[in-house]
Amino acid sequence: MKREFLKNLGLTDELIEKVMTEHAKDIQDTNSKLATAEQERDSLKSQVTDCDNQIKDLGEKVGNSDGLQETIKNLKSTIEENDQKVASNLLQVKQDNAVQSYLKDAGLKALIGKRWIL
């Protein structure tokens, strides 16, 4: 949303500032949710690729049942580890977003480098 559009609607500078502040909050929330969704998507894409590769390997080992049993055991372990990593990463992203939201609500506007500015 542009200030010029609001100005053309006849809003005062004070009202325009309030509208833009609220709009910025909405944009920040949306961007945060988008970033979380993109991270989840990328994680799931990686898991799908890993599973596809594992299925291909299983197909190649079908003739060797001992090797197949060992591969299945290893795959189950790998899948469990990946699930734990994804859950941990998702929790970290949610915590980071909550902290950023809290800091934003506390009056901090942006993170520049490693310092928040008012």
PDB file of N, CA and C in Angstrom:
ATOM      1  N   MET A   1       0.855  -1.157   0.000  1.00  0.00           N
ATOM      2  CA  MET A   1       0.000   0.000   0.000  1.00  0.00           C
ATOM      3  C   MET A   1       0.905   1.224   0.000  1.00  0.00           C
ATOM      4  N   LYS A   2       0.547   2.207  -0.789  1.00  0.00           N
ATOM      5  CA  LYS A   2       1.371   3.404  -0.909  1.00  0.00           C
ATOM      6  C   LYS A   2       0.703   4.581  -0.219  1.00  0.00           C
ATOM      7  N   ARG A   3       1.533   5.425   0.346  1.00  0.00           N
ATOM      8  CA  ARG A   3       1.033   6.619   1.037  1.00  0.00           C
ATOM      9  C   ARG A   3       0.238   7.518   0.084  1.00  0.00           C
ATOM     10  N   GLU A   4       0.687   7.590  -1.153  1.00  0.00           N
ATOM     11  CA  GLU A   4       0.026   8.443  -2.144  1.00  0.00           C
ATOM     12  C   GLU A   4      -1.436   8.021  -2.332  1.00  0.00           C
ATOM     13  N   PHE A   5      -1.688   6.722  -2.346  1.00  0.00           N
ATOM     14  CA  PHE A   5      -3.053   6.212  -2.481  1.00  0.00           C
ATOM     15  C   PHE A   5      -3.914   6.699  -1.319  1.00  0.00           C
ATOM     16  N   LEU A   6      -3.382   6.588  -0.107  1.00  0.00           N
ATOM     17  CA  LEU A   6      -4.128   7.022   1.074  1.00  0.00           C
ATOM     18  C   LEU A   6      -4.327   8.535   1.077  1.00  0.00           C
ATOM     19  N   LYS A   7      -3.320   9.261   0.625  1.00  0.00           N
ATOM     20  CA  LYS A   7      -3.407  10.724   0.551  1.00  0.00           C
ATOM     21  C   LYS A   7      -4.524  11.125  -0.414  1.00  0.00           C
ATOM     22  N   ASN A   8      -4.613  10.411  -1.537  1.00  0.00           N
ATOM     23  CA  ASN A   8      -5.652  10.695  -2.527  1.00  0.00           C
ATOM     24  C   ASN A   8      -7.055  10.380  -2.010  1.00  0.00           C
ATOM     25  N   LEU A   9      -7.135   9.549  -0.986  1.00  0.00           N
ATOM     26  CA  LEU A   9      -8.427   9.252  -0.371  1.00  0.00           C
ATOM     27  C   LEU A   9      -8.848  10.347   0.613  1.00  0.00           C
ATOM     28  N   GLY A  10      -7.951  11.294   0.835  1.00  0.00           N
ATOM     29  CA  GLY A  10      -8.268  12.409   1.708  1.00  0.00           C
ATOM     30  C   GLY A  10      -7.882  12.195   3.156  1.00  0.00           C
ATOM     31  N   LEU A  11      -7.051  11.193   3.434  1.00  0.00           N
ATOM     32  CA  LEU A  11      -6.632  10.937   4.804  1.00  0.00           C
ATOM     33  C   LEU A  11      -5.546  11.922   5.227  1.00  0.00           C
ATOM     34  N   THR A  12      -5.544  12.249   6.517  1.00  0.00           N
ATOM     35  CA  THR A  12      -4.518  13.136   7.048  1.00  0.00           C
ATOM     36  C   THR A  12      -3.214  12.365   7.186  1.00  0.00           C
ATOM     37  N   ASP A  13      -2.123  13.113   7.346  1.00  0.00           N
ATOM     38  CA  ASP A  13      -0.821  12.470   7.506  1.00  0.00           C
ATOM     39  C   ASP A  13      -0.802  11.571   8.744  1.00  0.00           C
ATOM     40  N   GLU A  14      -1.473  12.000   9.790  1.00  0.00           N
ATOM     41  CA  GLU A  14      -1.528  11.208  11.028  1.00  0.00           C
ATOM     42  C   GLU A  14      -2.250   9.881  10.790  1.00  0.00           C
ATOM     43  N   LEU A  15      -3.376   9.930  10.101  1.00  0.00           N
ATOM     44  CA  LEU A  15      -4.118   8.697   9.798  1.00  0.00           C
ATOM     45  C   LEU A  15      -3.332   7.807   8.850  1.00  0.00           C
ATOM     46  N   ILE A  16      -2.674   8.424   7.893  1.00  0.00           N
ATOM     47  CA  ILE A  16      -1.862   7.651   6.949  1.00  0.00           C
ATOM     48  C   ILE A  16      -0.771   6.904   7.705  1.00  0.00           C
ATOM     49  N   GLU A  17      -0.134   7.559   8.664  1.00  0.00           N
ATOM     50  CA  GLU A  17       0.921   6.922   9.445  1.00  0.00           C
ATOM     51  C   GLU A  17       0.371   5.728  10.233  1.00  0.00           C
ATOM     52  N   LYS A  18      -0.792   5.874  10.818  1.00  0.00           N
ATOM     53  CA  LYS A  18      -1.405   4.777  11.577  1.00  0.00           C
ATOM     54  C   LYS A  18      -1.745   3.601  10.669  1.00  0.00           C
ATOM     55  N   VAL A  19      -2.301   3.900   9.507  1.00  0.00           N
ATOM     56  CA  VAL A  19      -2.654   2.842   8.549  1.00  0.00           C
ATOM     57  C   VAL A  19      -1.388   2.115   8.092  1.00  0.00           C
ATOM     58  N   MET A  20      -0.346   2.876   7.783  1.00  0.00           N
ATOM     59  CA  MET A  20       0.895   2.268   7.301  1.00  0.00           C
ATOM     60  C   MET A  20       1.548   1.411   8.396  1.00  0.00           C
ATOM     61  N   THR A  21       1.465   1.841   9.644  1.00  0.00           N
ATOM     62  CA  THR A  21       2.026   1.063  10.751  1.00  0.00           C
ATOM     63  C   THR A  21       1.310  -0.270  10.879  1.00  0.00           C
ATOM     64  N   GLU A  22      -0.009  -0.254  10.828  1.00  0.00           N
ATOM     65  CA  GLU A  22      -0.785  -1.501  10.913  1.00  0.00           C
ATOM     66  C   GLU A  22      -0.509  -2.398   9.707  1.00  0.00           C
ATOM     67  N   HIS A  23      -0.420  -1.777   8.547  1.00  0.00           N
ATOM     68  CA  HIS A  23      -0.146  -2.532   7.326  1.00  0.00           C
ATOM     69  C   HIS A  23       1.229  -3.212   7.429  1.00  0.00           C
ATOM     70  N   ALA A  24       2.205  -2.492   7.968  1.00  0.00           N
ATOM     71  CA  ALA A  24       3.550  -3.062   8.136  1.00  0.00           C
ATOM     72  C   ALA A  24       3.515  -4.264   9.075  1.00  0.00           C
ATOM     73  N   LYS A  25       2.707  -4.188  10.134  1.00  0.00           N
ATOM     74  CA  LYS A  25       2.581  -5.326  11.058  1.00  0.00           C
ATOM     75  C   LYS A  25       2.008  -6.541  10.328  1.00  0.00           C
ATOM     76  N   ASP A  26       0.979  -6.305   9.532  1.00  0.00           N
ATOM     77  CA  ASP A  26       0.369  -7.400   8.781  1.00  0.00           C
ATOM     78  C   ASP A  26       1.373  -8.025   7.812  1.00  0.00           C
ATOM     79  N   ILE A  27       2.143  -7.178   7.153  1.00  0.00           N
ATOM     80  CA  ILE A  27       3.144  -7.662   6.192  1.00  0.00           C
ATOM     81  C   ILE A  27       4.198  -8.486   6.924  1.00  0.00           C
ATOM     82  N   GLN A  28       4.650  -8.013   8.079  1.00  0.00           N
ATOM     83  CA  GLN A  28       5.668  -8.734   8.839  1.00  0.00           C
ATOM     84  C   GLN A  28       5.142 -10.093   9.289  1.00  0.00           C
ATOM     85  N   ASP A  29       3.908 -10.135   9.769  1.00  0.00           N
ATOM     86  CA  ASP A  29       3.317 -11.416  10.172  1.00  0.00           C
ATOM     87  C   ASP A  29       3.215 -12.368   8.992  1.00  0.00           C
ATOM     88  N   THR A  30       2.770 -11.853   7.861  1.00  0.00           N
ATOM     89  CA  THR A  30       2.639 -12.674   6.657  1.00  0.00           C
ATOM     90  C   THR A  30       4.002 -13.191   6.207  1.00  0.00           C
ATOM     91  N   ASN A  31       5.009 -12.324   6.231  1.00  0.00           N
ATOM     92  CA  ASN A  31       6.350 -12.748   5.819  1.00  0.00           C
ATOM     93  C   ASN A  31       6.908 -13.806   6.761  1.00  0.00           C
ATOM     94  N   SER A  32       6.628 -13.672   8.037  1.00  0.00           N
ATOM     95  CA  SER A  32       7.086 -14.651   9.018  1.00  0.00           C
ATOM     96  C   SER A  32       6.432 -16.006   8.757  1.00  0.00           C
ATOM     97  N   LYS A  33       5.137 -15.993   8.511  1.00  0.00           N
ATOM     98  CA  LYS A  33       4.424 -17.242   8.223  1.00  0.00           C
ATOM     99  C   LYS A  33       4.919 -17.859   6.917  1.00  0.00           C
ATOM    100  N   LEU A  34       5.195 -17.013   5.938  1.00  0.00           N
ATOM    101  CA  LEU A  34       5.705 -17.502   4.661  1.00  0.00           C
ATOM    102  C   LEU A  34       7.067 -18.155   4.842  1.00  0.00           C
ATOM    103  N   ALA A  35       7.935 -17.523   5.615  1.00  0.00           N
ATOM    104  CA  ALA A  35       9.264 -18.087   5.852  1.00  0.00           C
ATOM    105  C   ALA A  35       9.159 -19.447   6.541  1.00  0.00           C
ATOM    106  N   THR A  36       8.271 -19.557   7.512  1.00  0.00           N
ATOM    107  CA  THR A  36       8.067 -20.829   8.203  1.00  0.00           C
ATOM    108  C   THR A  36       7.568 -21.888   7.230  1.00  0.00           C
ATOM    109  N   ALA A  37       6.609 -21.521   6.416  1.00  0.00           N
ATOM    110  CA  ALA A  37       6.048 -22.472   5.446  1.00  0.00           C
ATOM    111  C   ALA A  37       7.107 -22.902   4.432  1.00  0.00           C
ATOM    112  N   GLU A  38       7.945 -21.955   4.005  1.00  0.00           N
ATOM    113  CA  GLU A  38       8.991 -22.301   3.039  1.00  0.00           C
ATOM    114  C   GLU A  38      10.007 -23.253   3.657  1.00  0.00           C
ATOM    115  N   GLN A  39      10.357 -23.028   4.921  1.00  0.00           N
ATOM    116  CA  GLN A  39      11.289 -23.934   5.585  1.00  0.00           C
ATOM    117  C   GLN A  39      10.688 -25.331   5.728  1.00  0.00           C
ATOM    118  N   GLU A  40       9.428 -25.390   6.086  1.00  0.00           N
ATOM    119  CA  GLU A  40       8.760 -26.685   6.200  1.00  0.00           C
ATOM    120  C   GLU A  40       8.707 -27.381   4.843  1.00  0.00           C
ATOM    121  N   ARG A  41       8.379 -26.608   3.803  1.00  0.00           N
ATOM    122  CA  ARG A  41       8.321 -27.163   2.453  1.00  0.00           C
ATOM    123  C   ARG A  41       9.668 -27.730   2.038  1.00  0.00           C
ATOM    124  N   ASP A  42      10.736 -26.967   2.264  1.00  0.00           N
ATOM    125  CA  ASP A  42      12.067 -27.420   1.878  1.00  0.00           C
ATOM    126  C   ASP A  42      12.464 -28.682   2.636  1.00  0.00           C
ATOM    127  N   SER A  43      12.101 -28.732   3.904  1.00  0.00           N
ATOM    128  CA  SER A  43      12.395 -29.915   4.706  1.00  0.00           C
ATOM    129  C   SER A  43      11.645 -31.128   4.157  1.00  0.00           C
ATOM    130  N   LEU A  44      10.391 -30.934   3.825  1.00  0.00           N
ATOM    131  CA  LEU A  44       9.598 -32.046   3.285  1.00  0.00           C
ATOM    132  C   LEU A  44      10.104 -32.485   1.917  1.00  0.00           C
ATOM    133  N   LYS A  45      10.526 -31.522   1.095  1.00  0.00           N
ATOM    134  CA  LYS A  45      11.090 -31.884  -0.212  1.00  0.00           C
ATOM    135  C   LYS A  45      12.324 -32.757  -0.029  1.00  0.00           C
ATOM    136  N   SER A  46      13.146 -32.381   0.922  1.00  0.00           N
ATOM    137  CA  SER A  46      14.359 -33.146   1.195  1.00  0.00           C
ATOM    138  C   SER A  46      14.012 -34.556   1.659  1.00  0.00           C
ATOM    139  N   GLN A  47      13.010 -34.662   2.520  1.00  0.00           N
ATOM    140  CA  GLN A  47      12.592 -35.979   3.004  1.00  0.00           C
ATOM    141  C   GLN A  47      12.061 -36.837   1.862  1.00  0.00           C
ATOM    142  N   VAL A  48      11.292 -36.243   0.974  1.00  0.00           N
ATOM    143  CA  VAL A  48      10.743 -36.993  -0.163  1.00  0.00           C
ATOM    144  C   VAL A  48      11.878 -37.490  -1.049  1.00  0.00           C
ATOM    145  N   THR A  49      12.855 -36.628  -1.300  1.00  0.00           N
ATOM    146  CA  THR A  49      14.002 -37.024  -2.117  1.00  0.00           C
ATOM    147  C   THR A  49      14.749 -38.178  -1.461  1.00  0.00           C
ATOM    148  N   ASP A  50      14.956 -38.077  -0.151  1.00  0.00           N
ATOM    149  CA  ASP A  50      15.635 -39.158   0.575  1.00  0.00           C
ATOM    150  C   ASP A  50      14.847 -40.460   0.479  1.00  0.00           C
ATOM    151  N   CYS A  51      13.550 -40.375   0.652  1.00  0.00           N
ATOM    152  CA  CYS A  51      12.708 -41.579   0.566  1.00  0.00           C
ATOM    153  C   CYS A  51      12.749 -42.186  -0.838  1.00  0.00           C
ATOM    154  N   ASP A  52      12.720 -41.336  -1.857  1.00  0.00           N
ATOM    155  CA  ASP A  52      12.803 -41.834  -3.238  1.00  0.00           C
ATOM    156  C   ASP A  52      14.110 -42.586  -3.466  1.00  0.00           C
ATOM    157  N   ASN A  53      15.192 -42.014  -2.964  1.00  0.00           N
ATOM    158  CA  ASN A  53      16.490 -42.672  -3.116  1.00  0.00           C
ATOM    159  C   ASN A  53      16.533 -43.991  -2.353  1.00  0.00           C
ATOM    160  N   GLN A  54      15.930 -44.000  -1.186  1.00  0.00           N
ATOM    161  CA  GLN A  54      15.904 -45.226  -0.389  1.00  0.00           C
ATOM    162  C   GLN A  54      15.072 -46.303  -1.071  1.00  0.00           C
ATOM    163  N   ILE A  55      13.967 -45.921  -1.661  1.00  0.00           N
ATOM    164  CA  ILE A  55      13.120 -46.880  -2.382  1.00  0.00           C
ATOM    165  C   ILE A  55      13.882 -47.452  -3.574  1.00  0.00           C
ATOM    166  N   LYS A  56      14.614 -46.584  -4.257  1.00  0.00           N
ATOM    167  CA  LYS A  56      15.408 -47.054  -5.398  1.00  0.00           C
ATOM    168  C   LYS A  56      16.447 -48.072  -4.928  1.00  0.00           C
ATOM    169  N   ASP A  57      17.117 -47.766  -3.821  1.00  0.00           N
ATOM    170  CA  ASP A  57      18.104 -48.693  -3.279  1.00  0.00           C
ATOM    171  C   ASP A  57      17.467 -50.020  -2.886  1.00  0.00           C
ATOM    172  N   LEU A  58      16.272 -49.960  -2.304  1.00  0.00           N
ATOM    173  CA  LEU A  58      15.573 -51.196  -1.928  1.00  0.00           C
ATOM    174  C   LEU A  58      15.267 -52.049  -3.152  1.00  0.00           C
ATOM    175  N   GLY A  59      14.837 -51.386  -4.208  1.00  0.00           N
ATOM    176  CA  GLY A  59      14.535 -52.115  -5.438  1.00  0.00           C
ATOM    177  C   GLY A  59      15.749 -52.848  -5.970  1.00  0.00           C
ATOM    178  N   GLU A  60      16.912 -52.233  -5.817  1.00  0.00           N
ATOM    179  CA  GLU A  60      18.146 -52.855  -6.297  1.00  0.00           C
ATOM    180  C   GLU A  60      18.577 -54.029  -5.412  1.00  0.00           C
ATOM    181  N   LYS A  61      18.144 -54.023  -4.156  1.00  0.00           N
ATOM    182  CA  LYS A  61      18.579 -55.053  -3.211  1.00  0.00           C
ATOM    183  C   LYS A  61      17.543 -56.153  -2.986  1.00  0.00           C
ATOM    184  N   VAL A  62      16.482 -56.175  -3.766  1.00  0.00           N
ATOM    185  CA  VAL A  62      15.403 -57.139  -3.570  1.00  0.00           C
ATOM    186  C   VAL A  62      15.922 -58.576  -3.590  1.00  0.00           C
ATOM    187  N   GLY A  63      16.894 -58.878  -4.405  1.00  0.00           N
ATOM    188  CA  GLY A  63      17.406 -60.247  -4.506  1.00  0.00           C
ATOM    189  C   GLY A  63      18.153 -60.693  -3.260  1.00  0.00           C
ATOM    190  N   ASN A  64      18.629 -59.790  -2.463  1.00  0.00           N
ATOM    191  CA  ASN A  64      19.427 -60.124  -1.292  1.00  0.00           C
ATOM    192  C   ASN A  64      18.613 -59.837  -0.035  1.00  0.00           C
ATOM    193  N   SER A  65      17.943 -60.866   0.510  1.00  0.00           N
ATOM    194  CA  SER A  65      17.031 -60.643   1.630  1.00  0.00           C
ATOM    195  C   SER A  65      17.767 -60.240   2.906  1.00  0.00           C
ATOM    196  N   ASP A  66      18.968 -60.765   3.157  1.00  0.00           N
ATOM    197  CA  ASP A  66      19.718 -60.352   4.336  1.00  0.00           C
ATOM    198  C   ASP A  66      20.081 -58.871   4.229  1.00  0.00           C
ATOM    199  N   GLY A  67      20.547 -58.508   3.064  1.00  0.00           N
ATOM    200  CA  GLY A  67      20.888 -57.096   2.831  1.00  0.00           C
ATOM    201  C   GLY A  67      19.654 -56.221   2.916  1.00  0.00           C
ATOM    202  N   LEU A  68      18.531 -56.741   2.464  1.00  0.00           N
ATOM    203  CA  LEU A  68      17.275 -55.999   2.493  1.00  0.00           C
ATOM    204  C   LEU A  68      16.834 -55.745   3.931  1.00  0.00           C
ATOM    205  N   GLN A  69      16.915 -56.768   4.778  1.00  0.00           N
ATOM    206  CA  GLN A  69      16.522 -56.607   6.172  1.00  0.00           C
ATOM    207  C   GLN A  69      17.396 -55.560   6.877  1.00  0.00           C
ATOM    208  N   GLU A  70      18.684 -55.611   6.608  1.00  0.00           N
ATOM    209  CA  GLU A  70      19.600 -54.631   7.205  1.00  0.00           C
ATOM    210  C   GLU A  70      19.295 -53.228   6.693  1.00  0.00           C
ATOM    211  N   THR A  71      19.011 -53.127   5.410  1.00  0.00           N
ATOM    212  CA  THR A  71      18.680 -51.827   4.815  1.00  0.00           C
ATOM    213  C   THR A  71      17.396 -51.274   5.418  1.00  0.00           C
ATOM    214  N   ILE A  72      16.400 -52.125   5.585  1.00  0.00           N
ATOM    215  CA  ILE A  72      15.118 -51.696   6.182  1.00  0.00           C
ATOM    216  C   ILE A  72      15.356 -51.176   7.598  1.00  0.00           C
ATOM    217  N   LYS A  73      16.158 -51.887   8.358  1.00  0.00           N
ATOM    218  CA  LYS A  73      16.468 -51.467   9.731  1.00  0.00           C
ATOM    219  C   LYS A  73      17.145 -50.096   9.721  1.00  0.00           C
ATOM    220  N   ASN A  74      18.118 -49.938   8.839  1.00  0.00           N
ATOM    221  CA  ASN A  74      18.831 -48.664   8.741  1.00  0.00           C
ATOM    222  C   ASN A  74      17.905 -47.530   8.294  1.00  0.00           C
ATOM    223  N   LEU A  75      17.015 -47.828   7.359  1.00  0.00           N
ATOM    224  CA  LEU A  75      16.092 -46.810   6.859  1.00  0.00           C
ATOM    225  C   LEU A  75      15.128 -46.354   7.940  1.00  0.00           C
ATOM    226  N   LYS A  76      14.643 -47.295   8.727  1.00  0.00           N
ATOM    227  CA  LYS A  76      13.737 -46.934   9.821  1.00  0.00           C
ATOM    228  C   LYS A  76      14.444 -46.001  10.802  1.00  0.00           C
ATOM    229  N   SER A  77      15.670 -46.322  11.109  1.00  0.00           N
ATOM    230  CA  SER A  77      16.450 -45.492  12.029  1.00  0.00           C
ATOM    231  C   SER A  77      16.673 -44.096  11.440  1.00  0.00           C
ATOM    232  N   THR A  78      17.010 -44.040  10.164  1.00  0.00           N
ATOM    233  CA  THR A  78      17.244 -42.754   9.495  1.00  0.00           C
ATOM    234  C   THR A  78      15.976 -41.917   9.455  1.00  0.00           C
ATOM    235  N   ILE A  79      14.868 -42.540   9.167  1.00  0.00           N
ATOM    236  CA  ILE A  79      13.585 -41.830   9.105  1.00  0.00           C
ATOM    237  C   ILE A  79      13.227 -41.271  10.481  1.00  0.00           C
ATOM    238  N   GLU A  80      13.434 -42.054  11.527  1.00  0.00           N
ATOM    239  CA  GLU A  80      13.159 -41.568  12.880  1.00  0.00           C
ATOM    240  C   GLU A  80      14.039 -40.369  13.224  1.00  0.00           C
ATOM    241  N   GLU A  81      15.317 -40.451  12.862  1.00  0.00           N
ATOM    242  CA  GLU A  81      16.236 -39.334  13.115  1.00  0.00           C
ATOM    243  C   GLU A  81      15.796 -38.086  12.352  1.00  0.00           C
ATOM    244  N   ASN A  82      15.420 -38.280  11.083  1.00  0.00           N
ATOM    245  CA  ASN A  82      14.969 -37.139  10.271  1.00  0.00           C
ATOM    246  C   ASN A  82      13.709 -36.511  10.855  1.00  0.00           C
ATOM    247  N   ASP A  83      12.789 -37.341  11.325  1.00  0.00           N
ATOM    248  CA  ASP A  83      11.561 -36.818  11.938  1.00  0.00           C
ATOM    249  C   ASP A  83      11.888 -35.975  13.164  1.00  0.00           C
ATOM    250  N   GLN A  84      12.826 -36.451  13.969  1.00  0.00           N
ATOM    251  CA  GLN A  84      13.220 -35.695  15.164  1.00  0.00           C
ATOM    252  C   GLN A  84      13.883 -34.378  14.787  1.00  0.00           C
ATOM    253  N   LYS A  85      14.736 -34.390  13.766  1.00  0.00           N
ATOM    254  CA  LYS A  85      15.396 -33.163  13.323  1.00  0.00           C
ATOM    255  C   LYS A  85      14.379 -32.157  12.803  1.00  0.00           C
ATOM    256  N   VAL A  86      13.429 -32.623  12.009  1.00  0.00           N
ATOM    257  CA  VAL A  86      12.407 -31.732  11.456  1.00  0.00           C
ATOM    258  C   VAL A  86      11.570 -31.116  12.579  1.00  0.00           C
ATOM    259  N   ALA A  87      11.185 -31.941  13.552  1.00  0.00           N
ATOM    260  CA  ALA A  87      10.399 -31.430  14.674  1.00  0.00           C
ATOM    261  C   ALA A  87      11.189 -30.394  15.457  1.00  0.00           C
ATOM    262  N   SER A  88      12.460 -30.661  15.659  1.00  0.00           N
ATOM    263  CA  SER A  88      13.318 -29.723  16.381  1.00  0.00           C
ATOM    264  C   SER A  88      13.471 -28.420  15.594  1.00  0.00           C
ATOM    265  N   ASN A  89      13.691 -28.525  14.279  1.00  0.00           N
ATOM    266  CA  ASN A  89      13.832 -27.328  13.440  1.00  0.00           C
ATOM    267  C   ASN A  89      12.554 -26.510  13.421  1.00  0.00           C
ATOM    268  N   LEU A  90      11.432 -27.171  13.346  1.00  0.00           N
ATOM    269  CA  LEU A  90      10.147 -26.473  13.327  1.00  0.00           C
ATOM    270  C   LEU A  90       9.922 -25.751  14.650  1.00  0.00           C
ATOM    271  N   LEU A  91      10.256 -26.402  15.749  1.00  0.00           N
ATOM    272  CA  LEU A  91      10.126 -25.768  17.061  1.00  0.00           C
ATOM    273  C   LEU A  91      11.010 -24.531  17.139  1.00  0.00           C
ATOM    274  N   GLN A  92      12.234 -24.624  16.624  1.00  0.00           N
ATOM    275  CA  GLN A  92      13.154 -23.478  16.651  1.00  0.00           C
ATOM    276  C   GLN A  92      12.600 -22.325  15.826  1.00  0.00           C
ATOM    277  N   VAL A  93      12.047 -22.617  14.659  1.00  0.00           N
ATOM    278  CA  VAL A  93      11.471 -21.574  13.813  1.00  0.00           C
ATOM    279  C   VAL A  93      10.295 -20.903  14.526  1.00  0.00           C
ATOM    280  N   LYS A  94       9.450 -21.704  15.150  1.00  0.00           N
ATOM    281  CA  LYS A  94       8.306 -21.144  15.876  1.00  0.00           C
ATOM    282  C   LYS A  94       8.767 -20.266  17.038  1.00  0.00           C
ATOM    283  N   GLN A  95       9.797 -20.717  17.749  1.00  0.00           N
ATOM    284  CA  GLN A  95      10.319 -19.922  18.859  1.00  0.00           C
ATOM    285  C   GLN A  95      10.921 -18.613  18.353  1.00  0.00           C
ATOM    286  N   ASP A  96      11.679 -18.680  17.261  1.00  0.00           N
ATOM    287  CA  ASP A  96      12.275 -17.470  16.690  1.00  0.00           C
ATOM    288  C   ASP A  96      11.196 -16.481  16.272  1.00  0.00           C
ATOM    289  N   ASN A  97      10.145 -16.987  15.650  1.00  0.00           N
ATOM    290  CA  ASN A  97       9.049 -16.112  15.217  1.00  0.00           C
ATOM    291  C   ASN A  97       8.338 -15.491  16.412  1.00  0.00           C
ATOM    292  N   ALA A  98       8.171 -16.259  17.488  1.00  0.00           N
ATOM    293  CA  ALA A  98       7.514 -15.731  18.684  1.00  0.00           C
ATOM    294  C   ALA A  98       8.357 -14.618  19.310  1.00  0.00           C
ATOM    295  N   VAL A  99       9.664 -14.816  19.361  1.00  0.00           N
ATOM    296  CA  VAL A  99      10.550 -13.794  19.917  1.00  0.00           C
ATOM    297  C   VAL A  99      10.505 -12.544  19.057  1.00  0.00           C
ATOM    298  N   GLN A 100      10.576 -12.712  17.738  1.00  0.00           N
ATOM    299  CA  GLN A 100      10.523 -11.553  16.848  1.00  0.00           C
ATOM    300  C   GLN A 100       9.203 -10.820  16.992  1.00  0.00           C
ATOM    301  N   SER A 101       8.133 -11.542  17.112  1.00  0.00           N
ATOM    302  CA  SER A 101       6.821 -10.923  17.273  1.00  0.00           C
ATOM    303  C   SER A 101       6.756 -10.155  18.588  1.00  0.00           C
ATOM    304  N   TYR A 102       7.280 -10.749  19.651  1.00  0.00           N
ATOM    305  CA  TYR A 102       7.283 -10.078  20.955  1.00  0.00           C
ATOM    306  C   TYR A 102       8.113  -8.795  20.893  1.00  0.00           C
ATOM    307  N   LEU A 103       9.296  -8.881  20.292  1.00  0.00           N
ATOM    308  CA  LEU A 103      10.159  -7.702  20.189  1.00  0.00           C
ATOM    309  C   LEU A 103       9.513  -6.619  19.337  1.00  0.00           C
ATOM    310  N   LYS A 104       8.818  -7.040  18.285  1.00  0.00           N
ATOM    311  CA  LYS A 104       8.130  -6.084  17.426  1.00  0.00           C
ATOM    312  C   LYS A 104       7.031  -5.397  18.210  1.00  0.00           C
ATOM    313  N   ASP A 105       6.264  -6.170  18.968  1.00  0.00           N
ATOM    314  CA  ASP A 105       5.179  -5.602  19.768  1.00  0.00           C
ATOM    315  C   ASP A 105       5.708  -4.702  20.879  1.00  0.00           C
ATOM    316  N   ALA A 106       6.955  -4.949  21.296  1.00  0.00           N
ATOM    317  CA  ALA A 106       7.565  -4.138  22.348  1.00  0.00           C
ATOM    318  C   ALA A 106       8.093  -2.818  21.804  1.00  0.00           C
ATOM    319  N   GLY A 107       7.987  -2.604  20.515  1.00  0.00           N
ATOM    320  CA  GLY A 107       8.367  -1.321  19.936  1.00  0.00           C
ATOM    321  C   GLY A 107       9.624  -1.363  19.089  1.00  0.00           C
ATOM    322  N   LEU A 108      10.240  -2.497  18.960  1.00  0.00           N
ATOM    323  CA  LEU A 108      11.417  -2.597  18.112  1.00  0.00           C
ATOM    324  C   LEU A 108      10.947  -2.780  16.676  1.00  0.00           C
ATOM    325  N   LYS A 109      11.524  -2.022  15.769  1.00  0.00           N
ATOM    326  CA  LYS A 109      11.002  -2.032  14.408  1.00  0.00           C
ATOM    327  C   LYS A 109      11.755  -2.943  13.457  1.00  0.00           C
ATOM    328  N   ALA A 110      13.086  -3.044  13.590  1.00  0.00           N
ATOM    329  CA  ALA A 110      13.816  -3.821  12.600  1.00  0.00           C
ATOM    330  C   ALA A 110      15.108  -4.349  13.200  1.00  0.00           C
ATOM    331  N   LEU A 111      15.579  -5.440  12.642  1.00  0.00           N
ATOM    332  CA  LEU A 111      16.854  -6.015  13.032  1.00  0.00           C
ATOM    333  C   LEU A 111      17.875  -5.594  11.990  1.00  0.00           C
ATOM    334  N   ILE A 112      18.847  -4.825  12.418  1.00  0.00           N
ATOM    335  CA  ILE A 112      19.922  -4.385  11.533  1.00  0.00           C
ATOM    336  C   ILE A 112      21.189  -5.063  12.024  1.00  0.00           C
ATOM    337  N   GLY A 113      21.713  -5.970  11.196  1.00  0.00           N
ATOM    338  CA  GLY A 113      22.860  -6.734  11.647  1.00  0.00           C
ATOM    339  C   GLY A 113      22.457  -7.577  12.834  1.00  0.00           C
ATOM    340  N   LYS A 114      23.021  -7.275  13.983  1.00  0.00           N
ATOM    341  CA  LYS A 114      22.661  -8.005  15.203  1.00  0.00           C
ATOM    342  C   LYS A 114      22.060  -7.074  16.231  1.00  0.00           C
ATOM    343  N   ARG A 115      21.629  -5.882  15.796  1.00  0.00           N
ATOM    344  CA  ARG A 115      21.051  -4.912  16.726  1.00  0.00           C
ATOM    345  C   ARG A 115      19.664  -4.516  16.266  1.00  0.00           C
ATOM    346  N   TRP A 116      18.759  -4.409  17.218  1.00  0.00           N
ATOM    347  CA  TRP A 116      17.411  -3.950  16.924  1.00  0.00           C
ATOM    348  C   TRP A 116      17.386  -2.437  17.005  1.00  0.00           C
ATOM    349  N   ILE A 117      16.653  -1.817  16.102  1.00  0.00           N
ATOM    350  CA  ILE A 117      16.524  -0.365  16.155  1.00  0.00           C
ATOM    351  C   ILE A 117      15.087  -0.013  16.520  1.00  0.00           C
ATOM    352  N   LEU A 118      14.935   1.139  17.146  1.00  0.00           N
ATOM    353  CA  LEU A 118      13.611   1.594  17.564  1.00  0.00           C
ATOM    354  C   LEU A 118      12.992   2.425  16.475  1.00  0.00           C
TER     355      LEU A 118
END
